[in-house]
Structure formats: C-alpha cells, structure tokens
C-alpha cells in the first residue's frame, strides 16, 4: 500500500511579512543538496523525531499564509514540523507591536517604519546553525558556506526522494563532525578544534542546545567552551532559536550600518545604546543588518 501525499498545511501570520527578506537570507547561505531555493519557494532536508524527509514552503499571494508541503516520511511528526517551520520563518511575531516599540527611537524608528515586515530568519536545526556560526567566525558568509558545504559533502547522510530530487543530503550529525578527519576542510586548526569539541559535547549530551534555563544561561554555557566568545554565542541564540533579545554587539554589520554615519559605532557604545531596545534587541539587529546590506 502506498502512502498518500499529505495535503499542504497553511501557516498563517500577521502582516506585514516579507518573503523577499527570507529569500535573500537563504540565497546567501543555502547549502547544495541540503537546501533548494527557487524565486517563490524554499525546500530542505530534515531529520525529526527519528524520521528523515523534506519540506517545502511557498508564500501564497495576498493570503497572509505560508503553504507547507512535506514528504510522506514526516507524516508522523507534523505538529513538531509545523512548530519548527513557524519559528524558522518567524510567523508568530507581532509586527505592529514591535514597530510601536521602536517608533520613538531616533535611529531605529525610521528603519522600522520603512521595513515594518522584517522578521528574524532562524535555522530549522539549532546544531546546524551553531556549526555555521563557528565555521563563520572571522570569515565572510560566502567563505563560511563554502566550508560548511564541504562538511555536508563529506559527512552528510545521502538521501533519495523521487518527489524532491534536489534534496540529497542531511546536515551532518554531531557525532559525525566530532569524529571526522577534517584535514583540508579549509579552516584554521584552532577553529577545527573548537568545532569538534563543540560537536562532541553535543553528541555525548553534556551540552544541551535549548533555552530551558533562559537565554542568558545558554550564552554563558556556550562562552565556557574553548573558542566560543560572546559574538558566536549571541548569534547562535538569535539564529538558532529566534531569541528576540539576543544581540551580537560586536558584529561588523551592526557596527558599520549607515545609520551610524561614516565612522560607524564601537561595540561598547552599541551595547549601551541597545539597552533601550530590550526586550526586542534581535529585531533591532535585523533592521541594522538590513540597513548595512543596503549600503
């Protein structure tokens, strides 16, 4: 007996919400074989509750919903999948409330007014995002994607789906990365050590990737590991979990955003300035990154 293709789910959100923001985010970062991006859709491989499969999302014009399709292999874990996809595309944000919070701020107010639909694109899998952040220390996004792509090609489990031929690999597991020979992967030796120590801690269960004890405790837990500093930890909290108050204050894009003028701002000043943006500093970061990307 064949399992029928499940009907698409419709995931509602409060407008405004900007598909182009997510498309631009994934266009810079997509991993071949794991992710597949088209002008009006995004697909990727996943492992959820012991099942491997794929999902695909597509915005439906003028309906304020994101259409979610998935492989039959994920039929048994749809509620978990929907929850993760909603977080990934920040569908539960309250844009009008957030815009009101920043309205009176001299720098952020005009940025938010121009782009009220900006959200927090986050990762489907926290471990994958943490690996990306560690690989991305002190290098460009493009260089980080190249190295992460090599990890996928070497260590990612192969997949084959007749209904999603572009989805060909899972992202490597913590154990696979911890135990691999990563010579020639394209990272400095110290960063390789940082990555493999991190992966080993996750693989053996000593490091939990969750915010059960709160965001601050999670950042402290990461910063206690060798080679992981505040930028990496805050960035993981923001991109892996959509933590709305995470703020990587030393990020170059935040410091050099045109809104600060020709000379930018230093990390200490920005951190102090960001106190006024709590409890939504991550949304401030999203707007500053957008301002930086506009030049």
C-alpha atoms as a PDB file:
ATOM      1  CA  UNK A   1       0.000   0.000   0.000  1.00  0.00           C
ATOM      2  CA  UNK A   2       1.404   3.417  -0.912  1.00  0.00           C
ATOM      3  CA  UNK A   3       1.163   6.347   1.491  1.00  0.00           C
ATOM      4  CA  UNK A   4      -0.710   9.276   0.004  1.00  0.00           C
ATOM      5  CA  UNK A   5       0.997  12.635  -0.323  1.00  0.00           C
ATOM      6  CA  UNK A   6      -0.328  14.707   2.593  1.00  0.00           C
ATOM      7  CA  UNK A   7      -2.367  17.828   1.892  1.00  0.00           C
ATOM      8  CA  UNK A   8      -0.419  21.100   2.264  1.00  0.00           C
ATOM      9  CA  UNK A   9      -0.728  22.951   5.580  1.00  0.00           C
ATOM     10  CA  UNK A  10      -1.450  26.685   5.570  1.00  0.00           C
ATOM     11  CA  UNK A  11       0.552  28.596   8.197  1.00  0.00           C
ATOM     12  CA  UNK A  12      -0.989  31.997   8.937  1.00  0.00           C
ATOM     13  CA  UNK A  13       0.882  35.117  10.073  1.00  0.00           C
ATOM     14  CA  UNK A  14       0.187  38.750  10.896  1.00  0.00           C
ATOM     15  CA  UNK A  15       1.039  41.086   8.020  1.00  0.00           C
ATOM     16  CA  UNK A  16       3.331  42.675   7.084  1.00  0.00           C
ATOM     17  CA  UNK A  17       5.722  39.780   6.384  1.00  0.00           C
ATOM     18  CA  UNK A  18       8.338  39.942   3.631  1.00  0.00           C
ATOM     19  CA  UNK A  19       9.138  36.781   1.625  1.00  0.00           C
ATOM     20  CA  UNK A  20      11.971  38.648  -0.112  1.00  0.00           C
ATOM     21  CA  UNK A  21      13.787  39.080   3.204  1.00  0.00           C
ATOM     22  CA  UNK A  22      13.814  35.315   3.710  1.00  0.00           C
ATOM     23  CA  UNK A  23      14.682  34.645   0.072  1.00  0.00           C
ATOM     24  CA  UNK A  24      17.695  36.992   0.288  1.00  0.00           C
ATOM     25  CA  UNK A  25      18.785  35.386   3.580  1.00  0.00           C
ATOM     26  CA  UNK A  26      18.707  31.854   2.147  1.00  0.00           C
ATOM     27  CA  UNK A  27      20.177  32.905  -1.208  1.00  0.00           C
ATOM     28  CA  UNK A  28      23.386  33.880   0.613  1.00  0.00           C
ATOM     29  CA  UNK A  29      23.507  30.761   2.796  1.00  0.00           C
ATOM     30  CA  UNK A  30      21.849  27.797   1.047  1.00  0.00           C
ATOM     31  CA  UNK A  31      23.763  24.506   1.206  1.00  0.00           C
ATOM     32  CA  UNK A  32      23.665  22.460  -2.014  1.00  0.00           C
ATOM     33  CA  UNK A  33      21.949  19.103  -1.524  1.00  0.00           C
ATOM     34  CA  UNK A  34      20.500  20.125   1.861  1.00  0.00           C
ATOM     35  CA  UNK A  35      18.546  23.186   0.699  1.00  0.00           C
ATOM     36  CA  UNK A  36      16.962  24.220  -2.592  1.00  0.00           C
ATOM     37  CA  UNK A  37      15.797  27.766  -3.265  1.00  0.00           C
ATOM     38  CA  UNK A  38      13.560  28.993  -6.066  1.00  0.00           C
ATOM     39  CA  UNK A  39      12.110  32.505  -6.554  1.00  0.00           C
ATOM     40  CA  UNK A  40       8.880  31.569  -4.772  1.00  0.00           C
ATOM     41  CA  UNK A  41       9.796  28.543  -2.656  1.00  0.00           C
ATOM     42  CA  UNK A  42      12.334  27.097  -0.218  1.00  0.00           C
ATOM     43  CA  UNK A  43      12.923  23.367   0.381  1.00  0.00           C
ATOM     44  CA  UNK A  44      15.274  21.414   2.620  1.00  0.00           C
ATOM     45  CA  UNK A  45      16.077  18.054   4.174  1.00  0.00           C
ATOM     46  CA  UNK A  46      15.243  17.445   7.822  1.00  0.00           C
ATOM     47  CA  UNK A  47      15.546  14.809  10.492  1.00  0.00           C
ATOM     48  CA  UNK A  48      12.761  14.978  13.026  1.00  0.00           C
ATOM     49  CA  UNK A  49      11.802  12.514  15.761  1.00  0.00           C
ATOM     50  CA  UNK A  50      13.957   9.838  14.098  1.00  0.00           C
ATOM     51  CA  UNK A  51      12.457  10.341  10.618  1.00  0.00           C
ATOM     52  CA  UNK A  52      14.343  11.762   7.632  1.00  0.00           C
ATOM     53  CA  UNK A  53      12.478  13.718   4.992  1.00  0.00           C
ATOM     54  CA  UNK A  54      11.986  17.066   3.307  1.00  0.00           C
ATOM     55  CA  UNK A  55       9.668  20.033   3.474  1.00  0.00           C
ATOM     56  CA  UNK A  56       8.944  22.913   1.134  1.00  0.00           C
ATOM     57  CA  UNK A  57       7.332  26.297   1.810  1.00  0.00           C
ATOM     58  CA  UNK A  58       5.780  28.787  -0.572  1.00  0.00           C
ATOM     59  CA  UNK A  59       4.105  32.125   0.183  1.00  0.00           C
ATOM     60  CA  UNK A  60       0.571  32.414  -1.204  1.00  0.00           C
ATOM     61  CA  UNK A  61      -0.089  35.841  -2.712  1.00  0.00           C
ATOM     62  CA  UNK A  62      -2.429  38.131  -0.758  1.00  0.00           C
ATOM     63  CA  UNK A  63      -3.434  35.412   1.702  1.00  0.00           C
ATOM     64  CA  UNK A  64      -1.061  36.054   4.642  1.00  0.00           C
ATOM     65  CA  UNK A  65      -0.187  32.366   4.778  1.00  0.00           C
ATOM     66  CA  UNK A  66       2.836  30.217   4.054  1.00  0.00           C
ATOM     67  CA  UNK A  67       1.993  26.900   2.370  1.00  0.00           C
ATOM     68  CA  UNK A  68       3.888  23.934   3.818  1.00  0.00           C
ATOM     69  CA  UNK A  69       4.344  20.644   1.952  1.00  0.00           C
ATOM     70  CA  UNK A  70       6.376  17.697   3.232  1.00  0.00           C
ATOM     71  CA  UNK A  71       7.438  14.156   2.445  1.00  0.00           C
ATOM     72  CA  UNK A  72       5.218  11.261   3.481  1.00  0.00           C
ATOM     73  CA  UNK A  73       8.065  10.109   5.758  1.00  0.00           C
ATOM     74  CA  UNK A  74       7.233  13.043   8.065  1.00  0.00           C
ATOM     75  CA  UNK A  75       3.508  12.258   8.375  1.00  0.00           C
ATOM     76  CA  UNK A  76       4.013  11.134  11.963  1.00  0.00           C
ATOM     77  CA  UNK A  77       5.590  14.359  13.187  1.00  0.00           C
ATOM     78  CA  UNK A  78       3.547  17.132  11.544  1.00  0.00           C
ATOM     79  CA  UNK A  79       2.879  19.162  14.738  1.00  0.00           C
ATOM     80  CA  UNK A  80       6.623  19.311  15.510  1.00  0.00           C
ATOM     81  CA  UNK A  81       7.383  20.181  11.878  1.00  0.00           C
ATOM     82  CA  UNK A  82       4.818  22.977  11.815  1.00  0.00           C
ATOM     83  CA  UNK A  83       6.189  24.418  15.051  1.00  0.00           C
ATOM     84  CA  UNK A  84       9.753  24.410  13.754  1.00  0.00           C
ATOM     85  CA  UNK A  85       8.765  25.974  10.416  1.00  0.00           C
ATOM     86  CA  UNK A  86       6.741  28.686  12.152  1.00  0.00           C
ATOM     87  CA  UNK A  87       9.820  29.549  14.226  1.00  0.00           C
ATOM     88  CA  UNK A  88      12.119  29.372  11.201  1.00  0.00           C
ATOM     89  CA  UNK A  89      10.047  31.947   9.302  1.00  0.00           C
ATOM     90  CA  UNK A  90       9.110  33.955  12.421  1.00  0.00           C
ATOM     91  CA  UNK A  91       5.394  33.593  11.710  1.00  0.00           C
ATOM     92  CA  UNK A  92       4.295  34.308  15.296  1.00  0.00           C
ATOM     93  CA  UNK A  93       5.847  37.777  15.527  1.00  0.00           C
ATOM     94  CA  UNK A  94       3.625  40.799  16.214  1.00  0.00           C
ATOM     95  CA  UNK A  95       4.979  43.360  13.732  1.00  0.00           C
ATOM     96  CA  UNK A  96       2.754  46.283  14.748  1.00  0.00           C
ATOM     97  CA  UNK A  97       3.654  45.875  18.424  1.00  0.00           C
ATOM     98  CA  UNK A  98       7.364  45.653  17.572  1.00  0.00           C
ATOM     99  CA  UNK A  99       7.173  48.711  15.295  1.00  0.00           C
ATOM    100  CA  UNK A 100       5.473  50.666  18.068  1.00  0.00           C
ATOM    101  CA  UNK A 101       8.282  49.717  20.472  1.00  0.00           C
ATOM    102  CA  UNK A 102      10.904  51.281  18.180  1.00  0.00           C
ATOM    103  CA  UNK A 103       8.802  54.182  16.864  1.00  0.00           C
ATOM    104  CA  UNK A 104      10.335  56.841  19.115  1.00  0.00           C
ATOM    105  CA  UNK A 105      13.961  55.792  18.601  1.00  0.00           C
ATOM    106  CA  UNK A 106      15.945  58.305  16.526  1.00  0.00           C
ATOM    107  CA  UNK A 107      17.929  55.647  14.631  1.00  0.00           C
ATOM    108  CA  UNK A 108      15.661  52.586  14.671  1.00  0.00           C
ATOM    109  CA  UNK A 109      12.305  54.336  14.293  1.00  0.00           C
ATOM    110  CA  UNK A 110      12.811  55.398  10.639  1.00  0.00           C
ATOM    111  CA  UNK A 111      14.359  51.999   9.717  1.00  0.00           C
ATOM    112  CA  UNK A 112      11.396  50.079  11.140  1.00  0.00           C
ATOM    113  CA  UNK A 113       8.896  52.466   9.553  1.00  0.00           C
ATOM    114  CA  UNK A 114      10.495  51.799   6.127  1.00  0.00           C
ATOM    115  CA  UNK A 115      10.519  47.993   6.565  1.00  0.00           C
ATOM    116  CA  UNK A 116       7.865  47.030   9.149  1.00  0.00           C
ATOM    117  CA  UNK A 117       7.708  43.450   7.837  1.00  0.00           C
ATOM    118  CA  UNK A 118      11.318  42.477   8.686  1.00  0.00           C
ATOM    119  CA  UNK A 119      11.489  39.345  10.831  1.00  0.00           C
ATOM    120  CA  UNK A 120      14.121  37.016  12.308  1.00  0.00           C
ATOM    121  CA  UNK A 121      15.047  34.236   9.858  1.00  0.00           C
ATOM    122  CA  UNK A 122      16.191  31.337  12.046  1.00  0.00           C
ATOM    123  CA  UNK A 123      17.511  27.846  11.451  1.00  0.00           C
ATOM    124  CA  UNK A 124      15.430  24.677  11.318  1.00  0.00           C
ATOM    125  CA  UNK A 125      18.035  22.851  13.410  1.00  0.00           C
ATOM    126  CA  UNK A 126      19.948  24.529  16.277  1.00  0.00           C
ATOM    127  CA  UNK A 127      23.016  22.280  15.891  1.00  0.00           C
ATOM    128  CA  UNK A 128      23.306  23.126  12.190  1.00  0.00           C
ATOM    129  CA  UNK A 129      23.121  26.842  12.978  1.00  0.00           C
ATOM    130  CA  UNK A 130      25.729  26.543  15.717  1.00  0.00           C
ATOM    131  CA  UNK A 131      28.107  24.791  13.295  1.00  0.00           C
ATOM    132  CA  UNK A 132      27.521  27.538  10.737  1.00  0.00           C
ATOM    133  CA  UNK A 133      28.281  30.205  13.349  1.00  0.00           C
ATOM    134  CA  UNK A 134      31.526  28.540  14.478  1.00  0.00           C
ATOM    135  CA  UNK A 135      32.663  27.997  10.892  1.00  0.00           C
ATOM    136  CA  UNK A 136      31.736  31.618  10.175  1.00  0.00           C
ATOM    137  CA  UNK A 137      33.963  33.145  12.854  1.00  0.00           C
ATOM    138  CA  UNK A 138      36.048  35.948  11.287  1.00  0.00           C
ATOM    139  CA  UNK A 139      35.241  34.982   7.679  1.00  0.00           C
ATOM    140  CA  UNK A 140      32.683  36.138   5.104  1.00  0.00           C
ATOM    141  CA  UNK A 141      29.302  34.467   4.742  1.00  0.00           C
ATOM    142  CA  UNK A 142      30.397  33.142   1.338  1.00  0.00           C
ATOM    143  CA  UNK A 143      33.557  31.562   2.758  1.00  0.00           C
ATOM    144  CA  UNK A 144      31.592  30.005   5.632  1.00  0.00           C
ATOM    145  CA  UNK A 145      29.056  28.497   3.223  1.00  0.00           C
ATOM    146  CA  UNK A 146      31.899  27.009   1.162  1.00  0.00           C
ATOM    147  CA  UNK A 147      33.453  25.285   4.184  1.00  0.00           C
ATOM    148  CA  UNK A 148      30.081  24.161   5.570  1.00  0.00           C
ATOM    149  CA  UNK A 149      29.261  22.744   2.126  1.00  0.00           C
ATOM    150  CA  UNK A 150      32.419  20.630   2.333  1.00  0.00           C
ATOM    151  CA  UNK A 151      31.262  19.274   5.708  1.00  0.00           C
ATOM    152  CA  UNK A 152      27.934  18.316   4.115  1.00  0.00           C
ATOM    153  CA  UNK A 153      29.597  16.650   1.117  1.00  0.00           C
ATOM    154  CA  UNK A 154      31.994  14.651   3.323  1.00  0.00           C
ATOM    155  CA  UNK A 155      29.780  13.767   6.259  1.00  0.00           C
ATOM    156  CA  UNK A 156      26.106  14.290   5.415  1.00  0.00           C
ATOM    157  CA  UNK A 157      23.988  11.153   5.105  1.00  0.00           C
ATOM    158  CA  UNK A 158      22.809  10.598   1.500  1.00  0.00           C
ATOM    159  CA  UNK A 159      19.075  10.794   0.752  1.00  0.00           C
ATOM    160  CA  UNK A 160      16.936   9.995  -2.263  1.00  0.00           C
ATOM    161  CA  UNK A 161      13.396  11.250  -2.805  1.00  0.00           C
ATOM    162  CA  UNK A 162      11.602  10.749  -6.101  1.00  0.00           C
ATOM    163  CA  UNK A 163       9.365  13.743  -5.358  1.00  0.00           C
ATOM    164  CA  UNK A 164      12.261  16.031  -4.296  1.00  0.00           C
ATOM    165  CA  UNK A 165      15.324  15.100  -6.392  1.00  0.00           C
ATOM    166  CA  UNK A 166      17.260  18.256  -5.424  1.00  0.00           C
ATOM    167  CA  UNK A 167      17.211  17.229  -1.732  1.00  0.00           C
ATOM    168  CA  UNK A 168      20.121  14.797  -1.484  1.00  0.00           C
ATOM    169  CA  UNK A 169      21.748  15.003   1.957  1.00  0.00           C
ATOM    170  CA  UNK A 170      21.099  15.533   5.635  1.00  0.00           C
ATOM    171  CA  UNK A 171      23.228  18.015   7.518  1.00  0.00           C
ATOM    172  CA  UNK A 172      25.988  16.054   9.350  1.00  0.00           C
ATOM    173  CA  UNK A 173      25.232  14.798  12.850  1.00  0.00           C
ATOM    174  CA  UNK A 174      27.144  15.971  15.943  1.00  0.00           C
ATOM    175  CA  UNK A 175      28.844  12.566  16.202  1.00  0.00           C
ATOM    176  CA  UNK A 176      29.903  12.604  12.537  1.00  0.00           C
ATOM    177  CA  UNK A 177      31.541  16.024  12.899  1.00  0.00           C
ATOM    178  CA  UNK A 178      33.126  15.196  16.260  1.00  0.00           C
ATOM    179  CA  UNK A 179      34.789  12.012  14.961  1.00  0.00           C
ATOM    180  CA  UNK A 180      35.730  13.097  11.412  1.00  0.00           C
ATOM    181  CA  UNK A 181      39.170  13.768   9.991  1.00  0.00           C
ATOM    182  CA  UNK A 182      38.744  17.414   8.945  1.00  0.00           C
ATOM    183  CA  UNK A 183      42.159  17.925   7.376  1.00  0.00           C
ATOM    184  CA  UNK A 184      41.948  20.153   4.327  1.00  0.00           C
ATOM    185  CA  UNK A 185      38.446  21.355   5.169  1.00  0.00           C
ATOM    186  CA  UNK A 186      39.557  24.985   4.849  1.00  0.00           C
ATOM    187  CA  UNK A 187      39.566  26.176   8.470  1.00  0.00           C
ATOM    188  CA  UNK A 188      42.425  27.086  10.825  1.00  0.00           C
ATOM    189  CA  UNK A 189      43.385  24.232  13.138  1.00  0.00           C
ATOM    190  CA  UNK A 190      42.147  26.044  16.251  1.00  0.00           C
ATOM    191  CA  UNK A 191      38.710  26.569  14.743  1.00  0.00           C
ATOM    192  CA  UNK A 192      38.557  22.908  13.749  1.00  0.00           C
ATOM    193  CA  UNK A 193      39.325  22.030  17.390  1.00  0.00           C
ATOM    194  CA  UNK A 194      36.591  24.423  18.571  1.00  0.00           C
ATOM    195  CA  UNK A 195      34.072  22.887  16.174  1.00  0.00           C
ATOM    196  CA  UNK A 196      34.896  19.276  17.023  1.00  0.00           C
ATOM    197  CA  UNK A 197      34.948  19.901  20.780  1.00  0.00           C
ATOM    198  CA  UNK A 198      31.550  21.604  20.495  1.00  0.00           C
ATOM    199  CA  UNK A 199      30.141  18.744  18.387  1.00  0.00           C
ATOM    200  CA  UNK A 200      31.495  16.150  20.839  1.00  0.00           C
ATOM    201  CA  UNK A 201      29.864  17.933  23.788  1.00  0.00           C
ATOM    202  CA  UNK A 202      26.521  17.894  21.961  1.00  0.00           C
ATOM    203  CA  UNK A 203      26.939  14.280  20.799  1.00  0.00           C
ATOM    204  CA  UNK A 204      27.555  12.937  24.293  1.00  0.00           C
ATOM    205  CA  UNK A 205      24.790  15.008  25.876  1.00  0.00           C
ATOM    206  CA  UNK A 206      26.994  17.242  28.047  1.00  0.00           C
ATOM    207  CA  UNK A 207      25.862  20.332  26.118  1.00  0.00           C
ATOM    208  CA  UNK A 208      22.121  20.847  25.665  1.00  0.00           C
ATOM    209  CA  UNK A 209      21.098  23.049  22.774  1.00  0.00           C
ATOM    210  CA  UNK A 210      17.965  24.624  24.232  1.00  0.00           C
ATOM    211  CA  UNK A 211      16.861  27.709  26.147  1.00  0.00           C
ATOM    212  CA  UNK A 212      15.187  25.836  29.008  1.00  0.00           C
ATOM    213  CA  UNK A 213      17.331  27.668  31.569  1.00  0.00           C
ATOM    214  CA  UNK A 214      16.914  31.006  29.810  1.00  0.00           C
ATOM    215  CA  UNK A 215      18.803  32.809  27.105  1.00  0.00           C
ATOM    216  CA  UNK A 216      21.460  34.319  29.404  1.00  0.00           C
ATOM    217  CA  UNK A 217      22.376  30.924  30.884  1.00  0.00           C
ATOM    218  CA  UNK A 218      22.595  29.456  27.378  1.00  0.00           C
ATOM    219  CA  UNK A 219      25.021  32.185  26.240  1.00  0.00           C
ATOM    220  CA  UNK A 220      27.133  31.614  29.362  1.00  0.00           C
ATOM    221  CA  UNK A 221      27.158  27.854  28.699  1.00  0.00           C
ATOM    222  CA  UNK A 222      28.476  28.412  25.168  1.00  0.00           C
ATOM    223  CA  UNK A 223      31.055  31.012  26.229  1.00  0.00           C
ATOM    224  CA  UNK A 224      32.510  28.497  28.699  1.00  0.00           C
ATOM    225  CA  UNK A 225      33.599  26.347  25.738  1.00  0.00           C
ATOM    226  CA  UNK A 226      37.037  26.904  24.182  1.00  0.00           C
ATOM    227  CA  UNK A 227      36.989  29.130  21.112  1.00  0.00           C
ATOM    228  CA  UNK A 228      33.431  30.426  21.560  1.00  0.00           C
ATOM    229  CA  UNK A 229      33.038  34.069  22.536  1.00  0.00           C
ATOM    230  CA  UNK A 230      30.097  36.443  23.020  1.00  0.00           C
ATOM    231  CA  UNK A 231      29.549  37.137  19.291  1.00  0.00           C
ATOM    232  CA  UNK A 232      29.256  33.431  18.443  1.00  0.00           C
ATOM    233  CA  UNK A 233      27.051  32.672  21.446  1.00  0.00           C
ATOM    234  CA  UNK A 234      24.687  35.615  20.884  1.00  0.00           C
ATOM    235  CA  UNK A 235      24.492  34.875  17.162  1.00  0.00           C
ATOM    236  CA  UNK A 236      23.615  31.234  17.859  1.00  0.00           C
ATOM    237  CA  UNK A 237      20.897  32.322  20.319  1.00  0.00           C
ATOM    238  CA  UNK A 238      19.452  34.647  17.681  1.00  0.00           C
ATOM    239  CA  UNK A 239      19.716  32.474  14.570  1.00  0.00           C
ATOM    240  CA  UNK A 240      19.270  29.018  16.130  1.00  0.00           C
ATOM    241  CA  UNK A 241      16.348  29.815  18.438  1.00  0.00           C
ATOM    242  CA  UNK A 242      14.947  33.163  17.304  1.00  0.00           C
ATOM    243  CA  UNK A 243      15.703  34.571  20.777  1.00  0.00           C
ATOM    244  CA  UNK A 244      14.140  38.018  20.416  1.00  0.00           C
ATOM    245  CA  UNK A 245      16.533  39.793  22.801  1.00  0.00           C
ATOM    246  CA  UNK A 246      19.812  38.246  21.587  1.00  0.00           C
ATOM    247  CA  UNK A 247      22.226  40.871  20.332  1.00  0.00           C
ATOM    248  CA  UNK A 248      25.746  40.178  18.964  1.00  0.00           C
ATOM    249  CA  UNK A 249      27.006  43.699  19.680  1.00  0.00           C
ATOM    250  CA  UNK A 250      30.451  43.199  18.102  1.00  0.00           C
ATOM    251  CA  UNK A 251      29.012  42.168  14.709  1.00  0.00           C
ATOM    252  CA  UNK A 252      30.622  44.189  11.921  1.00  0.00           C
ATOM    253  CA  UNK A 253      27.352  44.696  10.052  1.00  0.00           C
ATOM    254  CA  UNK A 254      25.727  46.190  13.156  1.00  0.00           C
ATOM    255  CA  UNK A 255      28.694  48.461  13.861  1.00  0.00           C
ATOM    256  CA  UNK A 256      29.041  49.712  10.289  1.00  0.00           C
ATOM    257  CA  UNK A 257      25.355  50.236   9.451  1.00  0.00           C
ATOM    258  CA  UNK A 258      24.979  53.545   7.548  1.00  0.00           C
ATOM    259  CA  UNK A 259      22.503  54.810  10.140  1.00  0.00           C
ATOM    260  CA  UNK A 260      25.513  55.440  12.445  1.00  0.00           C
ATOM    261  CA  UNK A 261      27.233  57.722   9.949  1.00  0.00           C
ATOM    262  CA  UNK A 262      30.529  57.388   8.108  1.00  0.00           C
ATOM    263  CA  UNK A 263      32.567  56.350  11.168  1.00  0.00           C
ATOM    264  CA  UNK A 264      30.142  53.753  12.496  1.00  0.00           C
ATOM    265  CA  UNK A 265      29.882  52.980  16.204  1.00  0.00           C
ATOM    266  CA  UNK A 266      32.008  50.832  18.509  1.00  0.00           C
ATOM    267  CA  UNK A 267      30.761  47.672  20.218  1.00  0.00           C
ATOM    268  CA  UNK A 268      30.734  49.185  23.720  1.00  0.00           C
ATOM    269  CA  UNK A 269      28.666  52.153  22.551  1.00  0.00           C
ATOM    270  CA  UNK A 270      26.298  49.908  20.613  1.00  0.00           C
ATOM    271  CA  UNK A 271      25.778  47.569  23.554  1.00  0.00           C
ATOM    272  CA  UNK A 272      24.880  50.531  25.761  1.00  0.00           C
ATOM    273  CA  UNK A 273      22.649  52.012  23.065  1.00  0.00           C
ATOM    274  CA  UNK A 274      20.857  48.663  22.660  1.00  0.00           C
ATOM    275  CA  UNK A 275      19.629  48.648  26.272  1.00  0.00           C
ATOM    276  CA  UNK A 276      16.773  50.900  25.136  1.00  0.00           C
ATOM    277  CA  UNK A 277      15.724  48.257  22.581  1.00  0.00           C
ATOM    278  CA  UNK A 278      15.053  45.467  25.085  1.00  0.00           C
ATOM    279  CA  UNK A 279      13.233  43.086  25.042  1.00  0.00           C
ATOM    280  CA  UNK A 280      13.450  43.011  21.224  1.00  0.00           C
ATOM    281  CA  UNK A 281      17.100  43.720  20.508  1.00  0.00           C
ATOM    282  CA  UNK A 282      17.226  40.950  17.888  1.00  0.00           C
ATOM    283  CA  UNK A 283      14.685  42.850  15.777  1.00  0.00           C
ATOM    284  CA  UNK A 284      16.880  45.936  16.093  1.00  0.00           C
ATOM    285  CA  UNK A 285      19.744  43.777  14.785  1.00  0.00           C
ATOM    286  CA  UNK A 286      17.591  42.634  11.842  1.00  0.00           C
ATOM    287  CA  UNK A 287      16.908  46.248  10.862  1.00  0.00           C
ATOM    288  CA  UNK A 288      20.539  47.296  11.290  1.00  0.00           C
ATOM    289  CA  UNK A 289      21.705  44.351   9.146  1.00  0.00           C
ATOM    290  CA  UNK A 290      19.175  45.343   6.504  1.00  0.00           C
ATOM    291  CA  UNK A 291      20.453  48.931   6.661  1.00  0.00           C
ATOM    292  CA  UNK A 292      24.028  47.655   6.273  1.00  0.00           C
ATOM    293  CA  UNK A 293      23.112  45.468   3.284  1.00  0.00           C
ATOM    294  CA  UNK A 294      21.513  48.473   1.574  1.00  0.00           C
ATOM    295  CA  UNK A 295      24.864  50.249   1.878  1.00  0.00           C
END
